[in-house]
Structures are given as C-alpha cells and as structure tokens.
C-alpha cells in the first residue's frame, strides 16, 4: 500500500501508517527476531523517502495522514516525522511528555531543515548521527534514556 499511496489517497478519506509494520515489511526484518532485528532501521533512507512520498500523496489528495508505532513516540524520530510533514502522531501515552518537550523546544523550520538534510544522506548511520547531533545537545536531560 505504501508504494501506491498516491493511487489510494485519491480513493480514501485519510491515510494511516503503521511505522513498525512499514519498516518490518520493507526490510523483511522482524524486530522481535534476534537473528534479523539488526535490519530493522527506522532511519534508513528508504523508510524516510517512503514516508515522504506517502505524505506528499496525502497532501496532493487533500486528505489527512497519521502515523503510529515506535517512530511516533521516539523524540529523535518524531522530529524528522514532523519535518517530513506529519502532524498527526499516535504513540504510547508514556512517551507523550518527552515528545512534547522536544516538539515545544524546537521550531517547524528546524524540523523541516533536519528532514531535508536527512533525506539527502545515503545511510541510516549518517542520518542517526545528524539527528543525535542536533537534538542531543539541546535536549540532553529530556532525552537521557531515549530509544534512539
């Protein structure tokens, strides 16, 4: 469905993306299986580009798009999601205060610039380093112990 989001968006009232499943299916990597869990990479350029194309498809069709899953509740990843154009995030209630602190402590312009830089990179390690360098120093106290 992710690859045909532009077609689906013309026939739906909204799109909802389960990021855990998107990543798992994109890389055939069950994050619960220790043998292949290392392949589960939320910051992989393919994941970010797929999300960006889905967001653009929803916008072009004039419909809402939301995400759920671990990406939405990880402040490092939420910042990129917002920069990609997402505004509706569903996450575990325990993650809301941390994500809220990061979102309130940054600007949309900063998030969009970060997402643009991330999309220009060619691997998840470089993207992770970029995100950590931008967020780590600004939100060290809030992010201590964050998933990413």
N, C-alpha and C. Protein backbone atom coordinates (compact mmCIF):
# COMPACT_ATOMS: atom_id res chain seq x y z
N UNK A 1 0.82 -1.19 0.00
CA UNK A 1 0.00 0.00 0.00
C UNK A 1 0.86 1.26 0.00
N UNK A 2 2.01 1.21 0.68
CA UNK A 2 2.88 2.39 0.74
C UNK A 2 3.34 2.81 -0.64
N UNK A 3 3.60 1.85 -1.49
CA UNK A 3 4.11 2.16 -2.83
C UNK A 3 3.04 2.70 -3.76
N UNK A 4 1.79 2.52 -3.40
CA UNK A 4 0.69 3.02 -4.23
C UNK A 4 -0.13 4.06 -3.48
N UNK A 5 0.49 4.73 -2.53
CA UNK A 5 -0.23 5.72 -1.71
C UNK A 5 -0.86 6.81 -2.56
N UNK A 6 -0.22 7.19 -3.65
CA UNK A 6 -0.80 8.23 -4.49
C UNK A 6 -2.13 7.79 -5.09
N UNK A 7 -2.22 6.53 -5.47
CA UNK A 7 -3.48 6.00 -6.01
C UNK A 7 -4.51 5.83 -4.89
N UNK A 8 -4.10 5.23 -3.79
CA UNK A 8 -5.02 5.01 -2.67
C UNK A 8 -5.58 6.32 -2.12
N UNK A 9 -4.73 7.32 -2.04
CA UNK A 9 -5.15 8.60 -1.46
C UNK A 9 -6.30 9.24 -2.22
N UNK A 10 -6.39 8.96 -3.50
CA UNK A 10 -7.49 9.54 -4.30
C UNK A 10 -8.82 8.86 -3.99
N UNK A 11 -8.78 7.74 -3.29
CA UNK A 11 -10.00 6.97 -3.02
C UNK A 11 -10.29 6.81 -1.53
N UNK A 12 -9.52 7.48 -0.69
CA UNK A 12 -9.67 7.34 0.76
C UNK A 12 -9.95 8.69 1.41
N UNK A 13 -10.46 8.62 2.62
CA UNK A 13 -10.68 9.83 3.40
C UNK A 13 -9.45 10.23 4.20
N UNK A 14 -8.55 9.28 4.45
CA UNK A 14 -7.33 9.54 5.20
C UNK A 14 -6.37 8.37 4.97
N UNK A 15 -5.11 8.58 5.32
CA UNK A 15 -4.11 7.51 5.32
C UNK A 15 -3.59 7.37 6.74
N UNK A 16 -3.33 6.15 7.14
CA UNK A 16 -2.74 5.88 8.45
C UNK A 16 -1.59 4.90 8.25
N UNK A 17 -0.43 5.27 8.73
CA UNK A 17 0.77 4.47 8.52
C UNK A 17 1.23 3.85 9.83
N UNK A 18 1.33 2.55 9.86
CA UNK A 18 1.92 1.85 10.99
C UNK A 18 3.41 1.72 10.72
N UNK A 19 4.21 2.54 11.40
CA UNK A 19 5.64 2.56 11.08
C UNK A 19 6.35 1.26 11.43
N UNK A 20 5.93 0.58 12.48
CA UNK A 20 6.57 -0.69 12.81
C UNK A 20 6.40 -1.68 11.66
N UNK A 21 5.19 -1.79 11.15
CA UNK A 21 4.93 -2.71 10.04
C UNK A 21 5.62 -2.24 8.76
N UNK A 22 5.61 -0.95 8.50
CA UNK A 22 6.26 -0.43 7.30
C UNK A 22 7.73 -0.85 7.27
N UNK A 23 8.42 -0.65 8.37
CA UNK A 23 9.84 -1.00 8.44
C UNK A 23 10.03 -2.50 8.34
N UNK A 24 9.22 -3.24 9.06
CA UNK A 24 9.33 -4.70 9.06
C UNK A 24 9.15 -5.26 7.66
N UNK A 25 8.14 -4.79 6.94
CA UNK A 25 7.89 -5.31 5.60
C UNK A 25 8.90 -4.79 4.59
N UNK A 26 9.37 -3.57 4.76
CA UNK A 26 10.34 -3.00 3.82
C UNK A 26 11.64 -3.79 3.81
N UNK A 27 12.03 -4.29 4.98
CA UNK A 27 13.31 -4.97 5.10
C UNK A 27 13.20 -6.45 5.44
N UNK A 28 11.98 -6.97 5.46
CA UNK A 28 11.76 -8.37 5.84
C UNK A 28 12.50 -8.66 7.14
N UNK A 29 12.33 -7.78 8.10
CA UNK A 29 13.07 -7.86 9.35
C UNK A 29 12.14 -7.73 10.54
N UNK A 30 11.86 -8.84 11.17
CA UNK A 30 11.04 -8.84 12.37
C UNK A 30 11.88 -8.33 13.54
N UNK A 31 11.51 -7.21 14.10
CA UNK A 31 12.30 -6.63 15.19
C UNK A 31 12.31 -7.50 16.43
N UNK A 32 11.39 -8.45 16.51
CA UNK A 32 11.33 -9.36 17.65
C UNK A 32 12.23 -10.59 17.45
N UNK A 33 12.74 -10.78 16.24
CA UNK A 33 13.59 -11.92 15.91
C UNK A 33 15.05 -11.48 15.99
N UNK A 34 15.77 -12.00 16.98
CA UNK A 34 17.15 -11.58 17.21
C UNK A 34 18.05 -11.81 16.01
N UNK A 35 17.73 -12.78 15.17
CA UNK A 35 18.57 -13.08 14.02
C UNK A 35 18.53 -11.99 12.94
N UNK A 36 17.44 -11.26 12.86
CA UNK A 36 17.30 -10.24 11.81
C UNK A 36 16.94 -8.86 12.36
N UNK A 37 16.86 -8.72 13.66
CA UNK A 37 16.45 -7.44 14.26
C UNK A 37 17.38 -6.30 13.87
N UNK A 38 18.63 -6.60 13.60
CA UNK A 38 19.58 -5.54 13.21
C UNK A 38 19.19 -4.88 11.89
N UNK A 39 18.37 -5.55 11.09
CA UNK A 39 17.92 -4.99 9.82
C UNK A 39 16.80 -3.97 9.99
N UNK A 40 16.18 -3.96 11.15
CA UNK A 40 15.06 -3.05 11.44
C UNK A 40 15.63 -1.66 11.70
N UNK A 41 15.60 -0.79 10.70
CA UNK A 41 16.25 0.52 10.77
C UNK A 41 15.27 1.65 10.45
N UNK A 42 14.69 2.28 11.46
CA UNK A 42 13.71 3.35 11.22
C UNK A 42 14.28 4.55 10.47
N UNK A 43 15.58 4.80 10.60
CA UNK A 43 16.18 5.95 9.94
C UNK A 43 16.78 5.63 8.57
N UNK A 44 16.53 4.45 8.07
CA UNK A 44 17.04 4.10 6.75
C UNK A 44 16.44 5.06 5.72
N UNK A 45 17.24 5.52 4.77
CA UNK A 45 16.71 6.44 3.75
C UNK A 45 15.47 5.91 3.03
N UNK A 46 15.38 4.62 2.82
CA UNK A 46 14.20 4.05 2.14
C UNK A 46 12.94 4.27 2.96
N UNK A 47 13.04 4.18 4.27
CA UNK A 47 11.88 4.40 5.14
C UNK A 47 11.47 5.86 5.08
N UNK A 48 12.43 6.75 5.23
CA UNK A 48 12.12 8.19 5.22
C UNK A 48 11.57 8.63 3.87
N UNK A 49 12.13 8.13 2.80
CA UNK A 49 11.64 8.50 1.47
C UNK A 49 10.25 7.94 1.21
N UNK A 50 9.99 6.74 1.69
CA UNK A 50 8.65 6.16 1.55
C UNK A 50 7.63 6.98 2.31
N UNK A 51 7.97 7.34 3.55
CA UNK A 51 7.07 8.19 4.33
C UNK A 51 6.84 9.53 3.64
N UNK A 52 7.90 10.14 3.13
CA UNK A 52 7.77 11.43 2.44
C UNK A 52 6.84 11.31 1.24
N UNK A 53 6.96 10.24 0.47
CA UNK A 53 6.09 10.09 -0.70
C UNK A 53 4.64 9.88 -0.28
N UNK A 54 4.41 9.19 0.83
CA UNK A 54 3.05 8.99 1.33
C UNK A 54 2.46 10.32 1.82
N UNK A 55 3.27 11.12 2.48
CA UNK A 55 2.82 12.43 2.96
C UNK A 55 2.46 13.32 1.77
N UNK A 56 3.30 13.31 0.77
CA UNK A 56 3.03 14.11 -0.43
C UNK A 56 1.77 13.64 -1.14
N UNK A 57 1.55 12.32 -1.18
CA UNK A 57 0.34 11.78 -1.81
C UNK A 57 -0.91 12.22 -1.06
N UNK A 58 -0.85 12.19 0.27
CA UNK A 58 -2.00 12.62 1.07
C UNK A 58 -2.27 14.11 0.85
N UNK A 59 -1.23 14.90 0.86
CA UNK A 59 -1.39 16.35 0.63
C UNK A 59 -2.00 16.62 -0.73
N UNK A 60 -1.49 15.94 -1.76
CA UNK A 60 -1.99 16.16 -3.12
C UNK A 60 -3.47 15.80 -3.24
N UNK A 61 -3.89 14.80 -2.46
CA UNK A 61 -5.29 14.37 -2.48
C UNK A 61 -6.16 15.17 -1.51
N UNK A 62 -5.53 16.01 -0.70
CA UNK A 62 -6.28 16.81 0.26
C UNK A 62 -6.84 16.02 1.43
N UNK A 63 -6.11 14.96 1.82
CA UNK A 63 -6.57 14.14 2.95
C UNK A 63 -5.52 14.14 4.05
N UNK A 64 -5.95 13.75 5.23
CA UNK A 64 -5.05 13.66 6.38
C UNK A 64 -4.22 12.39 6.31
N UNK A 65 -3.05 12.45 6.94
CA UNK A 65 -2.21 11.27 7.10
C UNK A 65 -1.70 11.27 8.53
N UNK A 66 -1.71 10.11 9.16
CA UNK A 66 -1.21 9.98 10.52
C UNK A 66 -0.28 8.79 10.60
N UNK A 67 0.55 8.78 11.64
CA UNK A 67 1.43 7.64 11.87
C UNK A 67 1.27 7.15 13.29
N UNK A 68 1.50 5.87 13.44
CA UNK A 68 1.55 5.26 14.77
C UNK A 68 2.77 4.36 14.78
N UNK A 69 3.09 3.86 15.93
CA UNK A 69 4.23 2.97 16.05
C UNK A 69 5.37 3.61 16.81
N UNK A 70 6.46 2.88 16.92
CA UNK A 70 7.59 3.33 17.72
C UNK A 70 8.19 4.64 17.22
N UNK A 71 8.18 4.86 15.92
CA UNK A 71 8.76 6.10 15.38
C UNK A 71 8.05 7.33 15.95
N UNK A 72 6.75 7.27 16.06
CA UNK A 72 5.99 8.43 16.53
C UNK A 72 6.32 8.79 17.97
N UNK A 73 6.67 7.81 18.78
CA UNK A 73 6.94 8.05 20.19
C UNK A 73 8.40 8.23 20.54
N UNK A 74 9.28 8.19 19.56
CA UNK A 74 10.70 8.40 19.81
C UNK A 74 11.02 9.85 19.43
N UNK A 75 11.46 10.67 20.38
CA UNK A 75 11.66 12.09 20.09
C UNK A 75 12.66 12.36 18.97
N UNK A 76 13.67 11.52 18.84
CA UNK A 76 14.62 11.69 17.74
C UNK A 76 13.90 11.51 16.41
N UNK A 77 13.04 10.53 16.35
CA UNK A 77 12.35 10.21 15.11
C UNK A 77 11.16 11.13 14.88
N UNK A 78 10.50 11.53 15.95
CA UNK A 78 9.36 12.43 15.82
C UNK A 78 9.77 13.74 15.15
N UNK A 79 10.91 14.24 15.51
CA UNK A 79 11.39 15.50 14.93
C UNK A 79 11.51 15.38 13.42
N UNK A 80 12.02 14.23 12.95
CA UNK A 80 12.12 14.01 11.50
C UNK A 80 10.73 13.86 10.90
N UNK A 81 9.85 13.13 11.56
CA UNK A 81 8.49 12.94 11.04
C UNK A 81 7.79 14.29 10.86
N UNK A 82 7.93 15.16 11.82
CA UNK A 82 7.33 16.49 11.72
C UNK A 82 7.97 17.26 10.57
N UNK A 83 9.27 17.15 10.45
CA UNK A 83 9.97 17.81 9.35
C UNK A 83 9.56 17.29 7.98
N UNK A 84 9.17 16.03 7.92
CA UNK A 84 8.69 15.45 6.66
C UNK A 84 7.29 15.93 6.31
N UNK A 85 6.57 16.46 7.30
CA UNK A 85 5.24 16.98 7.05
C UNK A 85 4.13 16.33 7.83
N UNK A 86 4.46 15.40 8.70
CA UNK A 86 3.43 14.76 9.51
C UNK A 86 3.01 15.66 10.67
N UNK A 87 1.72 15.65 10.95
CA UNK A 87 1.20 16.46 12.06
C UNK A 87 0.36 15.63 13.02
N UNK A 88 -0.03 14.43 12.62
CA UNK A 88 -0.85 13.56 13.46
C UNK A 88 -0.04 12.33 13.84
N UNK A 89 0.28 12.24 15.13
CA UNK A 89 1.11 11.15 15.64
C UNK A 89 0.37 10.41 16.74
N UNK A 90 0.43 9.11 16.69
CA UNK A 90 -0.17 8.28 17.73
C UNK A 90 0.94 7.51 18.42
N UNK A 91 1.00 7.62 19.74
CA UNK A 91 2.09 6.99 20.47
C UNK A 91 1.62 6.49 21.82
N UNK A 92 2.45 5.70 22.44
CA UNK A 92 2.20 5.21 23.79
C UNK A 92 2.09 6.43 24.71
N UNK A 93 1.10 6.47 25.58
CA UNK A 93 0.92 7.64 26.46
C UNK A 93 2.15 7.99 27.28
N UNK A 94 2.96 7.00 27.63
CA UNK A 94 4.16 7.26 28.42
C UNK A 94 5.18 8.11 27.66
N UNK A 95 5.11 8.11 26.34
CA UNK A 95 6.07 8.84 25.52
C UNK A 95 5.67 10.31 25.28
N UNK A 96 4.42 10.63 25.55
CA UNK A 96 3.91 11.97 25.23
C UNK A 96 4.71 13.09 25.90
N UNK A 97 5.00 13.04 27.20
CA UNK A 97 5.73 14.17 27.81
C UNK A 97 7.10 14.42 27.17
N UNK A 98 7.82 13.38 26.86
CA UNK A 98 9.14 13.53 26.26
C UNK A 98 9.05 14.10 24.84
N UNK A 99 8.16 13.53 24.05
CA UNK A 99 7.97 14.03 22.68
C UNK A 99 7.48 15.47 22.71
N UNK A 100 6.57 15.76 23.61
CA UNK A 100 6.03 17.12 23.74
C UNK A 100 7.14 18.12 24.07
N UNK A 101 8.05 17.74 24.96
CA UNK A 101 9.16 18.63 25.33
C UNK A 101 10.04 18.94 24.13
N UNK A 102 10.33 17.94 23.33
CA UNK A 102 11.18 18.15 22.15
C UNK A 102 10.45 18.99 21.11
N UNK A 103 9.18 18.68 20.87
CA UNK A 103 8.42 19.43 19.87
C UNK A 103 8.30 20.90 20.28
N UNK A 104 8.00 21.14 21.53
CA UNK A 104 7.84 22.52 22.00
C UNK A 104 9.17 23.28 22.05
N UNK A 105 10.26 22.54 22.16
CA UNK A 105 11.57 23.17 22.27
C UNK A 105 12.26 23.39 20.94
N UNK A 106 11.57 23.15 19.86
CA UNK A 106 12.15 23.35 18.54
C UNK A 106 11.13 24.02 17.64
N UNK A 107 11.56 24.39 16.44
CA UNK A 107 10.65 25.05 15.52
C UNK A 107 10.38 24.16 14.31
N UNK A 108 9.30 24.44 13.63
CA UNK A 108 8.96 23.71 12.42
C UNK A 108 10.04 23.91 11.36
N UNK A 109 10.57 25.10 11.27
CA UNK A 109 11.63 25.38 10.30
C UNK A 109 12.84 24.49 10.58
N UNK A 110 13.20 24.34 11.86
CA UNK A 110 14.32 23.47 12.22
C UNK A 110 14.04 22.02 11.85
N UNK A 111 12.83 21.56 12.14
CA UNK A 111 12.47 20.17 11.82
C UNK A 111 12.48 19.93 10.32
N UNK A 112 11.98 20.89 9.56
CA UNK A 112 11.97 20.75 8.09
C UNK A 112 13.39 20.75 7.53
N UNK A 113 14.25 21.59 8.08
CA UNK A 113 15.65 21.62 7.63
C UNK A 113 16.34 20.30 7.95
N UNK A 114 16.09 19.78 9.15
CA UNK A 114 16.68 18.50 9.53
C UNK A 114 16.21 17.39 8.60
N UNK A 115 14.92 17.34 8.33
CA UNK A 115 14.38 16.30 7.44
C UNK A 115 14.98 16.41 6.05
N UNK A 116 15.13 17.62 5.54
CA UNK A 116 15.72 17.81 4.21
C UNK A 116 17.17 17.31 4.19
N UNK A 117 17.91 17.62 5.24
CA UNK A 117 19.30 17.14 5.32
C UNK A 117 19.33 15.62 5.42
N UNK A 118 18.43 15.05 6.22
CA UNK A 118 18.39 13.60 6.38
C UNK A 118 18.06 12.90 5.07
N UNK A 119 17.13 13.46 4.31
CA UNK A 119 16.75 12.86 3.03
C UNK A 119 17.89 12.89 2.02
N UNK A 120 18.83 13.80 2.20
CA UNK A 120 19.97 13.90 1.28
C UNK A 120 21.08 12.90 1.61
N UNK A 121 21.01 12.30 2.79
CA UNK A 121 22.04 11.34 3.20
C UNK A 121 21.71 9.95 2.67
N UNK A 122 22.74 9.10 2.59
CA UNK A 122 22.53 7.81 1.95
C UNK A 122 22.56 6.60 2.87
N UNK A 123 22.62 6.82 4.18
CA UNK A 123 22.57 5.65 5.07
C UNK A 123 22.05 6.05 6.45
N UNK A 124 21.53 5.05 7.15
CA UNK A 124 20.89 5.29 8.44
C UNK A 124 21.88 5.72 9.52
N UNK A 125 23.14 5.33 9.42
CA UNK A 125 24.13 5.73 10.41
C UNK A 125 24.36 7.24 10.32
N UNK A 126 24.54 7.74 9.11
CA UNK A 126 24.75 9.18 8.93
C UNK A 126 23.52 9.97 9.36
N UNK A 127 22.34 9.45 9.06
CA UNK A 127 21.10 10.14 9.47
C UNK A 127 20.99 10.14 10.99
N UNK A 128 21.27 9.01 11.61
CA UNK A 128 21.23 8.93 13.07
C UNK A 128 22.21 9.89 13.72
N UNK A 129 23.42 9.97 13.18
CA UNK A 129 24.42 10.90 13.70
C UNK A 129 23.94 12.34 13.57
N UNK A 130 23.34 12.66 12.44
CA UNK A 130 22.82 14.01 12.21
C UNK A 130 21.75 14.36 13.24
N UNK A 131 20.80 13.46 13.42
CA UNK A 131 19.69 13.72 14.35
C UNK A 131 20.21 13.84 15.77
N UNK A 132 21.07 12.91 16.19
CA UNK A 132 21.61 12.97 17.55
C UNK A 132 22.42 14.24 17.78
N UNK A 133 23.17 14.67 16.77
CA UNK A 133 23.97 15.89 16.95
C UNK A 133 23.08 17.12 17.12
N UNK A 134 21.95 17.14 16.44
CA UNK A 134 21.04 18.29 16.54
C UNK A 134 20.23 18.27 17.83
N UNK A 135 19.78 17.09 18.21
CA UNK A 135 18.90 17.01 19.38
C UNK A 135 19.66 16.77 20.67
N UNK A 136 20.72 16.00 20.60
CA UNK A 136 21.42 15.57 21.80
C UNK A 136 21.85 16.69 22.72
N UNK A 137 22.47 17.71 22.16
CA UNK A 137 22.96 18.80 23.00
C UNK A 137 21.83 19.69 23.51
N UNK A 138 20.80 19.86 22.71
CA UNK A 138 19.69 20.74 23.11
C UNK A 138 18.78 20.12 24.14
N UNK A 139 18.62 18.81 24.07
CA UNK A 139 17.64 18.14 24.92
C UNK A 139 18.27 17.00 25.71
N UNK A 140 19.51 17.17 26.14
CA UNK A 140 20.24 16.10 26.82
C UNK A 140 19.47 15.56 28.03
N UNK A 141 18.96 16.43 28.86
CA UNK A 141 18.26 15.99 30.07
C UNK A 141 16.99 15.22 29.73
N UNK A 142 16.23 15.74 28.77
CA UNK A 142 14.97 15.10 28.40
C UNK A 142 15.20 13.77 27.69
N UNK A 143 16.27 13.69 26.89
CA UNK A 143 16.49 12.52 26.05
C UNK A 143 17.32 11.43 26.70
N UNK A 144 17.81 11.66 27.90
CA UNK A 144 18.59 10.63 28.57
C UNK A 144 17.76 9.36 28.68
N UNK A 145 18.20 8.30 28.02
CA UNK A 145 17.48 7.03 28.06
C UNK A 145 16.49 6.86 26.93
N UNK A 146 16.45 7.78 25.97
CA UNK A 146 15.54 7.64 24.82
C UNK A 146 15.94 6.43 23.99
N UNK A 147 14.98 5.90 23.25
CA UNK A 147 15.17 4.67 22.49
C UNK A 147 16.24 4.77 21.43
N UNK A 148 16.41 5.91 20.81
CA UNK A 148 17.33 6.00 19.67
C UNK A 148 18.69 6.50 20.09
